[in-house]
N, C-alpha and C. Protein backbone atom coordinates (compact mmCIF):
# COMPACT_ATOMS: atom_id res chain seq x y z
N UNK A 1 293.56 63.90 13.15
CA UNK A 1 294.63 63.13 13.77
C UNK A 1 295.36 62.36 12.67
N UNK A 2 296.68 62.53 12.63
CA UNK A 2 297.47 61.77 11.66
C UNK A 2 297.50 60.30 12.08
N UNK A 3 297.47 59.44 11.07
CA UNK A 3 297.50 58.01 11.32
C UNK A 3 298.71 57.39 10.63
N UNK A 4 299.23 56.29 11.19
CA UNK A 4 300.37 55.64 10.53
C UNK A 4 299.95 54.99 9.21
N UNK A 5 300.81 55.10 8.22
CA UNK A 5 300.55 54.53 6.89
C UNK A 5 301.21 53.15 6.81
N UNK A 6 300.43 52.16 6.38
CA UNK A 6 300.96 50.80 6.22
C UNK A 6 301.94 50.76 5.06
N UNK A 7 302.98 49.98 5.22
CA UNK A 7 304.00 49.84 4.18
C UNK A 7 303.90 48.43 3.59
N UNK A 8 303.96 48.35 2.25
CA UNK A 8 303.97 47.08 1.52
C UNK A 8 305.18 46.26 1.98
N UNK A 9 305.11 44.96 2.15
CA UNK A 9 303.96 44.10 1.90
C UNK A 9 303.16 43.81 3.17
N UNK A 10 302.23 44.66 3.51
CA UNK A 10 301.31 44.40 4.62
C UNK A 10 300.09 43.72 4.00
N UNK A 11 299.63 42.60 4.56
CA UNK A 11 298.53 41.85 3.94
C UNK A 11 297.23 42.67 3.82
N UNK A 12 297.04 43.66 4.67
CA UNK A 12 295.81 44.47 4.59
C UNK A 12 295.74 45.28 3.29
N UNK A 13 296.91 45.55 2.69
CA UNK A 13 296.93 46.31 1.44
C UNK A 13 296.42 45.48 0.26
N UNK A 14 296.30 44.17 0.44
CA UNK A 14 295.84 43.30 -0.65
C UNK A 14 294.39 42.85 -0.48
N UNK A 15 293.71 43.40 0.51
CA UNK A 15 292.32 43.01 0.79
C UNK A 15 291.33 43.89 0.01
N UNK A 16 290.20 43.29 -0.38
CA UNK A 16 289.12 44.05 -1.00
C UNK A 16 288.30 44.67 0.13
N UNK A 17 288.03 45.96 0.01
CA UNK A 17 287.34 46.70 1.08
C UNK A 17 285.82 46.60 0.95
N UNK A 18 285.17 46.72 2.10
CA UNK A 18 283.71 46.64 2.17
C UNK A 18 283.10 48.00 1.85
N UNK A 19 281.95 48.01 1.16
CA UNK A 19 281.26 49.28 0.93
C UNK A 19 280.81 49.90 2.25
N UNK A 20 280.74 51.20 2.27
CA UNK A 20 280.26 51.94 3.43
C UNK A 20 278.74 51.95 3.37
N UNK A 21 278.07 51.57 4.46
CA UNK A 21 276.61 51.47 4.47
C UNK A 21 275.96 52.84 4.55
N UNK A 22 276.32 53.63 5.54
CA UNK A 22 275.79 54.99 5.62
C UNK A 22 276.85 55.90 6.23
N UNK A 23 276.73 57.17 5.94
CA UNK A 23 277.75 58.14 6.33
C UNK A 23 277.49 58.59 7.77
N UNK A 24 278.43 58.26 8.64
CA UNK A 24 278.32 58.59 10.06
C UNK A 24 279.38 59.62 10.42
N UNK A 25 279.25 60.19 11.63
CA UNK A 25 280.27 61.12 12.11
C UNK A 25 281.63 60.45 12.20
N UNK A 26 281.66 59.16 12.59
CA UNK A 26 282.95 58.47 12.70
C UNK A 26 283.59 58.30 11.31
N UNK A 27 282.78 58.11 10.26
CA UNK A 27 283.34 58.02 8.91
C UNK A 27 283.83 59.38 8.42
N UNK A 28 283.10 60.44 8.76
CA UNK A 28 283.57 61.79 8.39
C UNK A 28 284.89 62.09 9.11
N UNK A 29 285.00 61.68 10.36
CA UNK A 29 286.25 61.86 11.14
C UNK A 29 287.38 61.07 10.49
N UNK A 30 287.07 59.83 10.05
CA UNK A 30 288.06 59.02 9.33
C UNK A 30 288.56 59.79 8.11
N UNK A 31 287.63 60.37 7.33
CA UNK A 31 288.01 61.14 6.15
C UNK A 31 288.89 62.32 6.50
N UNK A 32 288.55 63.04 7.56
CA UNK A 32 289.37 64.18 8.00
C UNK A 32 290.77 63.71 8.41
N UNK A 33 290.83 62.59 9.14
CA UNK A 33 292.14 62.03 9.54
C UNK A 33 292.95 61.63 8.32
N UNK A 34 292.27 61.05 7.33
CA UNK A 34 292.96 60.63 6.10
C UNK A 34 293.52 61.84 5.35
N UNK A 35 292.74 62.91 5.27
CA UNK A 35 293.24 64.12 4.60
C UNK A 35 294.45 64.68 5.33
N UNK A 36 294.38 64.76 6.66
CA UNK A 36 295.51 65.26 7.45
C UNK A 36 296.75 64.38 7.24
N UNK A 37 296.55 63.07 7.23
CA UNK A 37 297.65 62.11 7.02
C UNK A 37 298.25 62.28 5.63
N UNK A 38 297.37 62.42 4.61
CA UNK A 38 297.82 62.57 3.22
C UNK A 38 298.64 63.85 3.05
N UNK A 39 298.11 64.99 3.55
CA UNK A 39 298.82 66.26 3.40
C UNK A 39 300.16 66.23 4.13
N UNK A 40 300.19 65.59 5.30
CA UNK A 40 301.41 65.53 6.09
C UNK A 40 302.49 64.67 5.43
N UNK A 41 302.09 63.66 4.68
CA UNK A 41 303.03 62.64 4.18
C UNK A 41 304.22 63.16 3.35
N UNK A 42 304.15 64.04 2.40
CA UNK A 42 302.98 64.59 1.71
C UNK A 42 302.62 63.72 0.52
N UNK A 43 301.32 63.66 0.22
CA UNK A 43 300.84 62.90 -0.93
C UNK A 43 299.67 63.61 -1.56
N UNK A 44 299.16 63.03 -2.67
CA UNK A 44 298.01 63.61 -3.37
C UNK A 44 296.78 62.71 -3.26
N UNK A 45 296.95 61.53 -2.66
CA UNK A 45 295.82 60.63 -2.49
C UNK A 45 296.12 59.63 -1.39
N UNK A 46 295.05 59.10 -0.78
CA UNK A 46 295.20 58.09 0.26
C UNK A 46 293.90 57.29 0.32
N UNK A 47 294.04 55.98 0.45
CA UNK A 47 292.89 55.09 0.58
C UNK A 47 292.86 54.51 1.98
N UNK A 48 291.65 54.25 2.49
CA UNK A 48 291.49 53.76 3.86
C UNK A 48 292.34 52.53 4.18
N UNK A 49 292.47 51.55 3.26
CA UNK A 49 293.30 50.39 3.64
C UNK A 49 294.77 50.76 3.92
N UNK A 50 295.22 51.89 3.42
CA UNK A 50 296.60 52.31 3.67
C UNK A 50 296.82 52.70 5.13
N UNK A 51 295.73 52.95 5.85
CA UNK A 51 295.85 53.21 7.29
C UNK A 51 295.19 52.08 8.09
N UNK A 52 294.97 50.95 7.42
CA UNK A 52 294.47 49.76 8.11
C UNK A 52 292.97 49.68 8.27
N UNK A 53 292.21 50.54 7.56
CA UNK A 53 290.75 50.53 7.63
C UNK A 53 290.22 49.94 6.32
N UNK A 54 289.50 48.83 6.42
CA UNK A 54 289.09 48.13 5.20
C UNK A 54 287.68 48.53 4.75
N UNK A 55 287.49 49.85 4.61
CA UNK A 55 286.25 50.43 4.09
C UNK A 55 286.55 51.15 2.78
N UNK A 56 285.55 51.29 1.92
CA UNK A 56 285.71 51.92 0.61
C UNK A 56 285.66 53.45 0.77
N UNK A 57 286.80 54.01 1.21
CA UNK A 57 286.94 55.45 1.44
C UNK A 57 288.28 55.90 0.87
N UNK A 58 288.25 56.97 0.08
CA UNK A 58 289.49 57.56 -0.42
C UNK A 58 289.44 59.08 -0.24
N UNK A 59 290.64 59.66 -0.20
CA UNK A 59 290.77 61.12 -0.23
C UNK A 59 291.81 61.47 -1.29
N UNK A 60 291.68 62.67 -1.84
CA UNK A 60 292.69 63.13 -2.80
C UNK A 60 292.62 64.64 -2.95
N UNK A 61 293.74 65.19 -3.38
CA UNK A 61 293.84 66.60 -3.72
C UNK A 61 295.06 66.75 -4.63
N UNK A 62 294.81 66.96 -5.91
CA UNK A 62 295.90 67.02 -6.89
C UNK A 62 296.30 68.45 -7.25
N UNK A 63 295.82 69.44 -6.49
CA UNK A 63 296.20 70.83 -6.74
C UNK A 63 297.56 71.06 -6.09
N UNK A 64 298.53 71.44 -6.92
CA UNK A 64 299.85 71.75 -6.37
C UNK A 64 299.80 73.12 -5.68
N UNK A 65 300.65 73.28 -4.67
CA UNK A 65 300.63 74.51 -3.86
C UNK A 65 300.69 75.78 -4.70
N UNK A 66 301.51 75.77 -5.76
CA UNK A 66 301.69 76.98 -6.57
C UNK A 66 300.61 77.15 -7.64
N UNK A 67 299.65 76.21 -7.71
CA UNK A 67 298.63 76.25 -8.76
C UNK A 67 297.30 76.84 -8.29
N UNK A 68 297.13 77.02 -7.00
CA UNK A 68 295.86 77.54 -6.54
C UNK A 68 295.45 76.96 -5.20
N UNK A 69 294.16 77.18 -4.88
CA UNK A 69 293.64 76.72 -3.60
C UNK A 69 293.50 75.20 -3.58
N UNK A 70 293.74 74.58 -2.42
CA UNK A 70 293.57 73.14 -2.30
C UNK A 70 292.14 72.72 -2.64
N UNK A 71 291.99 71.51 -3.13
CA UNK A 71 290.66 70.96 -3.41
C UNK A 71 290.57 69.57 -2.76
N UNK A 72 290.48 69.53 -1.43
CA UNK A 72 290.41 68.23 -0.76
C UNK A 72 289.11 67.51 -1.10
N UNK A 73 289.22 66.27 -1.51
CA UNK A 73 288.05 65.47 -1.86
C UNK A 73 288.00 64.24 -0.97
N UNK A 74 286.82 63.96 -0.44
CA UNK A 74 286.56 62.77 0.37
C UNK A 74 285.47 61.98 -0.35
N UNK A 75 285.77 60.73 -0.68
CA UNK A 75 284.83 59.91 -1.45
C UNK A 75 284.53 58.61 -0.72
N UNK A 76 283.24 58.35 -0.53
CA UNK A 76 282.78 57.07 0.01
C UNK A 76 282.24 56.24 -1.14
N UNK A 77 282.62 54.97 -1.20
CA UNK A 77 282.17 54.03 -2.23
C UNK A 77 282.39 54.57 -3.66
N UNK A 78 283.58 55.08 -3.97
CA UNK A 78 283.80 55.59 -5.33
C UNK A 78 283.80 54.44 -6.34
N UNK A 79 283.20 54.71 -7.50
CA UNK A 79 283.10 53.71 -8.56
C UNK A 79 283.37 54.40 -9.89
N UNK A 80 284.19 53.76 -10.72
CA UNK A 80 284.42 54.27 -12.07
C UNK A 80 283.26 53.77 -12.93
N UNK A 81 282.50 54.72 -13.51
CA UNK A 81 281.34 54.34 -14.31
C UNK A 81 281.61 54.44 -15.80
N UNK A 82 282.68 55.14 -16.19
CA UNK A 82 283.07 55.22 -17.59
C UNK A 82 284.55 55.56 -17.68
N UNK A 83 285.22 55.02 -18.70
CA UNK A 83 286.65 55.27 -18.93
C UNK A 83 286.87 55.59 -20.40
N UNK A 84 287.80 56.48 -20.67
CA UNK A 84 288.14 56.79 -22.05
C UNK A 84 288.97 55.66 -22.65
N UNK A 85 288.89 55.54 -23.96
CA UNK A 85 289.77 54.57 -24.64
C UNK A 85 291.18 55.13 -24.72
N UNK A 86 291.27 56.45 -24.76
CA UNK A 86 292.58 57.12 -24.78
C UNK A 86 293.27 56.87 -23.44
N UNK A 87 294.58 56.63 -23.49
CA UNK A 87 295.31 56.37 -22.26
C UNK A 87 296.35 57.47 -22.03
N UNK A 88 296.85 57.49 -20.81
CA UNK A 88 297.96 58.39 -20.47
C UNK A 88 298.91 57.62 -19.57
N UNK A 89 300.14 58.07 -19.55
CA UNK A 89 301.18 57.43 -18.74
C UNK A 89 301.68 58.44 -17.72
N UNK A 90 301.65 58.04 -16.46
CA UNK A 90 302.19 58.87 -15.38
C UNK A 90 303.17 58.04 -14.57
N UNK A 91 304.18 58.72 -14.07
CA UNK A 91 305.08 58.06 -13.12
C UNK A 91 304.38 58.11 -11.77
N UNK A 92 303.96 56.93 -11.31
CA UNK A 92 303.21 56.85 -10.06
C UNK A 92 304.12 56.48 -8.90
N UNK A 93 303.72 56.97 -7.75
CA UNK A 93 304.33 56.60 -6.49
C UNK A 93 303.21 56.27 -5.54
N UNK A 94 303.55 55.85 -4.34
CA UNK A 94 302.53 55.45 -3.39
C UNK A 94 303.09 55.62 -1.98
N UNK A 95 302.25 56.16 -1.09
CA UNK A 95 302.70 56.35 0.29
C UNK A 95 302.98 55.01 0.98
N UNK A 96 302.43 53.92 0.48
CA UNK A 96 302.69 52.59 1.04
C UNK A 96 303.90 51.93 0.40
N UNK A 97 304.49 52.58 -0.60
CA UNK A 97 305.72 52.10 -1.24
C UNK A 97 306.68 53.30 -1.31
N UNK A 98 307.19 53.74 -0.15
CA UNK A 98 307.97 54.98 -0.11
C UNK A 98 309.17 54.97 -1.04
N UNK A 99 309.37 56.11 -1.69
CA UNK A 99 310.55 56.35 -2.53
C UNK A 99 310.61 55.46 -3.76
N UNK A 100 309.49 54.84 -4.15
CA UNK A 100 309.47 53.98 -5.33
C UNK A 100 308.50 54.56 -6.36
N UNK A 101 308.94 54.59 -7.62
CA UNK A 101 308.14 55.18 -8.69
C UNK A 101 308.25 54.33 -9.94
N UNK A 102 307.19 54.30 -10.73
CA UNK A 102 307.22 53.59 -12.00
C UNK A 102 306.11 54.14 -12.89
N UNK A 103 306.33 54.07 -14.20
CA UNK A 103 305.33 54.54 -15.14
C UNK A 103 304.21 53.51 -15.26
N UNK A 104 302.97 54.01 -15.19
CA UNK A 104 301.78 53.16 -15.31
C UNK A 104 300.86 53.79 -16.35
N UNK A 105 300.32 52.94 -17.23
CA UNK A 105 299.38 53.39 -18.26
C UNK A 105 297.96 53.13 -17.76
N UNK A 106 297.14 54.16 -17.82
CA UNK A 106 295.73 54.06 -17.39
C UNK A 106 294.87 54.87 -18.36
N UNK A 107 293.54 54.69 -18.29
CA UNK A 107 292.66 55.56 -19.09
C UNK A 107 292.93 57.04 -18.77
N UNK A 108 292.93 57.89 -19.80
CA UNK A 108 293.25 59.31 -19.63
C UNK A 108 292.13 60.06 -18.91
N UNK A 109 290.88 59.61 -19.08
CA UNK A 109 289.74 60.22 -18.42
C UNK A 109 288.85 59.14 -17.83
N UNK A 110 288.30 59.43 -16.66
CA UNK A 110 287.34 58.52 -16.03
C UNK A 110 286.20 59.32 -15.44
N UNK A 111 285.01 58.74 -15.51
CA UNK A 111 283.86 59.32 -14.84
C UNK A 111 283.64 58.50 -13.57
N UNK A 112 283.53 59.19 -12.44
CA UNK A 112 283.45 58.53 -11.14
C UNK A 112 282.18 58.97 -10.41
N UNK A 113 281.51 58.00 -9.79
CA UNK A 113 280.40 58.29 -8.89
C UNK A 113 280.86 57.96 -7.48
N UNK A 114 280.39 58.77 -6.51
CA UNK A 114 280.72 58.51 -5.11
C UNK A 114 279.70 59.20 -4.23
N UNK A 115 279.75 58.89 -2.96
CA UNK A 115 278.91 59.56 -1.96
C UNK A 115 279.80 60.54 -1.21
N UNK A 116 279.33 61.78 -1.07
CA UNK A 116 280.13 62.80 -0.39
C UNK A 116 279.90 62.75 1.12
N UNK A 117 280.58 63.63 1.85
CA UNK A 117 280.53 63.61 3.32
C UNK A 117 279.13 63.89 3.86
N UNK A 118 278.24 64.45 3.04
CA UNK A 118 276.87 64.74 3.48
C UNK A 118 275.89 63.64 3.05
N UNK A 119 276.41 62.58 2.42
CA UNK A 119 275.55 61.48 2.00
C UNK A 119 274.93 61.66 0.63
N UNK A 120 275.38 62.68 -0.13
CA UNK A 120 274.83 62.94 -1.46
C UNK A 120 275.64 62.23 -2.53
N UNK A 121 274.94 61.71 -3.54
CA UNK A 121 275.61 61.07 -4.68
C UNK A 121 276.23 62.15 -5.56
N UNK A 122 277.48 61.98 -5.90
CA UNK A 122 278.21 62.91 -6.77
C UNK A 122 278.70 62.16 -8.00
N UNK A 123 278.91 62.91 -9.08
CA UNK A 123 279.48 62.33 -10.30
C UNK A 123 280.35 63.40 -10.94
N UNK A 124 281.55 63.00 -11.36
CA UNK A 124 282.46 63.96 -12.00
C UNK A 124 283.38 63.21 -12.95
N UNK A 125 283.78 63.90 -14.02
CA UNK A 125 284.76 63.35 -14.94
C UNK A 125 286.13 63.94 -14.58
N UNK A 126 287.09 63.06 -14.41
CA UNK A 126 288.45 63.47 -14.06
C UNK A 126 289.38 63.20 -15.23
N UNK A 127 290.36 64.08 -15.42
CA UNK A 127 291.35 63.93 -16.49
C UNK A 127 292.74 64.17 -15.92
N UNK A 128 293.73 63.81 -16.71
CA UNK A 128 295.13 64.07 -16.37
C UNK A 128 295.50 63.45 -15.02
N UNK A 129 296.23 64.20 -14.20
CA UNK A 129 296.71 63.68 -12.92
C UNK A 129 295.55 63.25 -12.02
N UNK A 130 294.44 64.00 -12.05
CA UNK A 130 293.27 63.65 -11.22
C UNK A 130 292.75 62.26 -11.61
N UNK A 131 292.70 61.98 -12.91
CA UNK A 131 292.21 60.66 -13.38
C UNK A 131 293.13 59.55 -12.90
N UNK A 132 294.43 59.78 -13.02
CA UNK A 132 295.39 58.77 -12.55
C UNK A 132 295.24 58.55 -11.05
N UNK A 133 295.16 59.63 -10.31
CA UNK A 133 295.08 59.55 -8.85
C UNK A 133 293.82 58.80 -8.40
N UNK A 134 292.66 59.15 -8.95
CA UNK A 134 291.42 58.50 -8.50
C UNK A 134 291.44 57.01 -8.85
N UNK A 135 292.00 56.66 -10.01
CA UNK A 135 292.09 55.24 -10.37
C UNK A 135 293.05 54.50 -9.43
N UNK A 136 294.17 55.13 -9.12
CA UNK A 136 295.17 54.55 -8.21
C UNK A 136 294.53 54.28 -6.84
N UNK A 137 293.79 55.27 -6.33
CA UNK A 137 293.18 55.11 -4.99
C UNK A 137 292.05 54.08 -5.01
N UNK A 138 291.23 54.06 -6.05
CA UNK A 138 290.17 53.05 -6.14
C UNK A 138 290.79 51.65 -6.24
N UNK A 139 291.93 51.53 -6.95
CA UNK A 139 292.63 50.24 -6.99
C UNK A 139 292.94 49.74 -5.57
N UNK A 140 293.37 50.66 -4.69
CA UNK A 140 293.67 50.26 -3.30
C UNK A 140 292.46 49.60 -2.65
N UNK A 141 291.26 50.09 -2.96
CA UNK A 141 290.04 49.54 -2.35
C UNK A 141 289.77 48.12 -2.84
N UNK A 142 290.39 47.76 -3.97
CA UNK A 142 290.24 46.42 -4.53
C UNK A 142 291.48 45.56 -4.28
N UNK A 143 292.35 46.02 -3.37
CA UNK A 143 293.54 45.24 -3.01
C UNK A 143 294.63 45.25 -4.07
N UNK A 144 294.64 46.29 -4.90
CA UNK A 144 295.61 46.36 -6.00
C UNK A 144 296.54 47.55 -5.80
N UNK A 145 297.84 47.32 -6.02
CA UNK A 145 298.86 48.38 -5.92
C UNK A 145 299.36 48.73 -7.31
N UNK A 146 299.95 49.92 -7.46
CA UNK A 146 300.42 50.30 -8.79
C UNK A 146 301.48 49.34 -9.32
N UNK A 147 302.23 48.70 -8.43
CA UNK A 147 303.26 47.76 -8.89
C UNK A 147 302.65 46.51 -9.52
N UNK A 148 301.35 46.26 -9.27
CA UNK A 148 300.69 45.11 -9.89
C UNK A 148 300.56 45.29 -11.40
N UNK A 149 300.75 46.50 -11.90
CA UNK A 149 300.71 46.77 -13.35
C UNK A 149 302.07 46.54 -14.01
N UNK A 150 303.09 46.31 -13.20
CA UNK A 150 304.45 46.21 -13.73
C UNK A 150 304.80 44.77 -14.07
N UNK A 151 305.86 44.62 -14.84
CA UNK A 151 306.37 43.27 -15.14
C UNK A 151 306.91 42.67 -13.85
N UNK A 152 306.86 41.32 -13.72
CA UNK A 152 307.25 40.67 -12.46
C UNK A 152 308.63 41.07 -11.92
N UNK A 153 309.62 41.19 -12.78
CA UNK A 153 310.97 41.50 -12.34
C UNK A 153 311.03 42.89 -11.67
N UNK A 154 310.40 43.88 -12.31
CA UNK A 154 310.38 45.24 -11.77
C UNK A 154 309.58 45.27 -10.45
N UNK A 155 308.46 44.54 -10.41
CA UNK A 155 307.63 44.49 -9.21
C UNK A 155 308.43 43.88 -8.04
N UNK A 156 309.17 42.80 -8.29
CA UNK A 156 309.96 42.15 -7.25
C UNK A 156 311.08 43.07 -6.76
N UNK A 157 311.69 43.79 -7.70
CA UNK A 157 312.78 44.70 -7.33
C UNK A 157 312.25 45.80 -6.38
N UNK A 158 311.11 46.38 -6.73
CA UNK A 158 310.53 47.43 -5.88
C UNK A 158 310.14 46.85 -4.52
N UNK A 159 309.55 45.67 -4.51
CA UNK A 159 309.14 45.03 -3.25
C UNK A 159 310.35 44.81 -2.35
N UNK A 160 311.45 44.35 -2.92
CA UNK A 160 312.66 44.13 -2.11
C UNK A 160 313.18 45.45 -1.53
N UNK A 161 313.18 46.51 -2.33
CA UNK A 161 313.65 47.81 -1.84
C UNK A 161 312.77 48.30 -0.69
N UNK A 162 311.45 48.13 -0.82
CA UNK A 162 310.53 48.59 0.22
C UNK A 162 310.71 47.76 1.49
N UNK A 163 310.90 46.45 1.34
CA UNK A 163 311.13 45.59 2.52
C UNK A 163 312.39 46.03 3.25
N UNK A 164 313.43 46.35 2.50
CA UNK A 164 314.68 46.80 3.10
C UNK A 164 314.47 48.11 3.86
N UNK A 165 313.76 49.06 3.22
CA UNK A 165 313.46 50.34 3.86
C UNK A 165 312.63 50.12 5.14
N UNK A 166 311.67 49.21 5.08
CA UNK A 166 310.81 48.90 6.23
C UNK A 166 311.65 48.36 7.40
N UNK A 167 312.61 47.46 7.09
CA UNK A 167 313.51 46.93 8.13
C UNK A 167 314.36 48.03 8.73
N UNK A 168 314.90 48.90 7.87
CA UNK A 168 315.75 50.00 8.36
C UNK A 168 314.96 50.94 9.28
N UNK A 169 313.71 51.24 8.89
CA UNK A 169 312.87 52.10 9.72
C UNK A 169 312.57 51.45 11.07
N UNK A 170 312.30 50.15 11.05
CA UNK A 170 312.01 49.40 12.29
C UNK A 170 313.21 49.44 13.22
N UNK A 171 314.41 49.25 12.66
CA UNK A 171 315.63 49.27 13.48
C UNK A 171 315.88 50.65 14.05
N UNK A 172 315.64 51.69 13.26
CA UNK A 172 315.94 53.04 13.74
C UNK A 172 314.93 53.53 14.78
N UNK A 173 313.76 52.87 14.86
CA UNK A 173 312.77 53.30 15.84
C UNK A 173 312.87 52.50 17.15
N UNK A 174 313.81 51.55 17.20
CA UNK A 174 313.97 50.74 18.42
C UNK A 174 314.68 51.52 19.50
């Protein structure tokens, strides 16, 4: 089931999420809903707080349609356990900040641990777009948006544009 995506500045996007205690059918359903919502948006990642759920759950799939088979990932309690000193810069966007993009510098590689949908501990090293995406989504679980990495003037400009878009959408749905 697709779920509505919260748009900045919604206060829930700035909250730190609670760890998931154990993997239940309702959490697996949440993950499936998040993947459906992400693909429909369309996006490459989505964190639970973006749909108003304050649990440490993210989904992502950075395989482009023309590059091969999808690789949907569902992560409970993802944690970055190691980061490279080498950095990379990607132009990031966010489903909670529609039509807004900015370059963000992050570690080029990260090693992440998480619990999968079957309750098993997983560990993988991500690079390139996957590394950027997983860091971006984990930031959401800590109440941080990609615009928090920007200089105040640029952050305020993006926030104003998103607020305007949010008002326009509200008016058009009346």
